[in-house]
C-alpha atoms as a PDB file:
ATOM      1  CA  MET A   1      -0.040   0.080   0.068  1.00  0.00           C
ATOM      2  CA  ALA A   2       3.050   2.167   0.913  1.00  0.00           C
ATOM      3  CA  ALA A   3       4.220   1.616  -2.397  1.00  0.00           C
ATOM      4  CA  ILE A   4       1.203   2.985  -4.281  1.00  0.00           C
ATOM      5  CA  ILE A   5       0.846   5.822  -2.447  1.00  0.00           C
ATOM      6  CA  THR A   6       4.407   7.163  -2.858  1.00  0.00           C
ATOM      7  CA  ALA A   7       3.791   6.092  -6.847  1.00  0.00           C
ATOM      8  CA  ILE A   8       0.648   8.692  -6.864  1.00  0.00           C
ATOM      9  CA  GLY A   9       2.932  10.935  -5.493  1.00  0.00           C
ATOM     10  CA  ASP A  10       6.057  11.039  -7.643  1.00  0.00           C
ATOM     11  CA  VAL A  11       3.879  11.124 -10.375  1.00  0.00           C
ATOM     12  CA  PHE A  12       1.406  14.229  -9.276  1.00  0.00           C
ATOM     13  CA  THR A  13       5.143  15.574  -8.534  1.00  0.00           C
ATOM     14  CA  ALA A  14       6.035  14.599 -11.871  1.00  0.00           C
ATOM     15  CA  ALA A  15       2.686  16.310 -13.188  1.00  0.00           C
ATOM     16  CA  VAL A  16       3.390  19.573 -10.628  1.00  0.00           C
ATOM     17  CA  GLY A  17       6.839  19.991 -12.469  1.00  0.00           C
ATOM     18  CA  TRP A  18       5.123  19.912 -16.604  1.00  0.00           C
ATOM     19  CA  VAL A  19       2.397  22.098 -15.585  1.00  0.00           C
ATOM     20  CA  GLY A  20       5.548  24.766 -14.822  1.00  0.00           C
ATOM     21  CA  THR A  21       7.457  24.393 -17.702  1.00  0.00           C
ATOM     22  CA  VAL A  22       4.773  24.705 -20.459  1.00  0.00           C
ATOM     23  CA  SER A  23       3.124  27.477 -17.881  1.00  0.00           C
ATOM     24  CA  THR A  24       6.435  28.732 -17.889  1.00  0.00           C
ATOM     25  CA  THR A  25       6.733  28.193 -21.912  1.00  0.00           C
ATOM     26  CA  ILE A  26       3.279  29.753 -22.272  1.00  0.00           C
ATOM     27  CA  THR A  27       4.251  33.188 -19.974  1.00  0.00           C
ATOM     28  CA  ALA A  28       7.329  33.408 -22.016  1.00  0.00           C
ATOM     29  CA  GLN A  29       6.023  33.680 -25.859  1.00  0.00           C
ATOM     30  CA  PRO A  30       3.500  35.907 -26.224  1.00  0.00           C
ATOM     31  CA  LEU A  31       2.288  34.717 -29.215  1.00  0.00           C
ATOM     32  CA  LEU A  32       1.597  31.345 -27.602  1.00  0.00           C
ATOM     33  CA  LEU A  33      -0.218  33.339 -24.501  1.00  0.00           C
ATOM     34  CA  MET A  34      -2.238  35.142 -26.564  1.00  0.00           C
ATOM     35  CA  PHE A  35      -3.674  31.151 -28.036  1.00  0.00           C
ATOM     36  CA  THR A  36      -4.145  30.107 -24.692  1.00  0.00           C
ATOM     37  CA  VAL A  37      -5.672  33.444 -23.014  1.00  0.00           C
ATOM     38  CA  ILE A  38      -8.426  34.014 -25.417  1.00  0.00           C
ATOM     39  CA  PRO A  39     -10.345  30.565 -25.478  1.00  0.00           C
ATOM     40  CA  LEU A  40     -10.193  30.922 -21.376  1.00  0.00           C
ATOM     41  CA  VAL A  41     -11.422  33.886 -21.360  1.00  0.00           C
ATOM     42  CA  GLY A  42     -14.192  32.957 -23.869  1.00  0.00           C
ATOM     43  CA  LEU A  43     -14.666  30.079 -21.882  1.00  0.00           C
ATOM     44  CA  GLY A  44     -14.756  31.670 -18.654  1.00  0.00           C
ATOM     45  CA  VAL A  45     -17.686  34.191 -20.651  1.00  0.00           C
ATOM     46  CA  GLY A  46     -19.979  31.176 -21.774  1.00  0.00           C
ATOM     47  CA  LEU A  47     -19.988  29.605 -18.124  1.00  0.00           C
ATOM     48  CA  PHE A  48     -21.128  32.976 -16.667  1.00  0.00           C
ATOM     49  CA  ARG A  49     -23.518  33.017 -19.075  1.00  0.00           C
ATOM     50  CA  ARG A  50     -24.972  29.880 -18.970  1.00  0.00           C
ATOM     51  CA  LEU A  51     -25.043  30.674 -14.893  1.00  0.00           C
ATOM     52  CA  LEU A  52     -27.078  33.921 -15.318  1.00  0.00           C
ATOM     53  CA  ASN A  53     -29.535  31.808 -18.143  1.00  0.00           C
ATOM     54  CA  VAL A  54     -30.897  28.755 -15.035  1.00  0.00           C
ATOM     55  CA  ASN A  55     -34.324  29.401 -14.544  1.00  0.00           C
END
């Protein structure tokens, strides 16, 4: 059981490292930043609009 928990922790640590690498790359390149932020803003607007239209 301890080995499974250790393996899950190792995977989580690696995933956090990958997210850090990707976010550093995206923020270093303005074009990548633009193509990442615009869909996220659209997603936020769409979710907010759906929340307002709930009966």
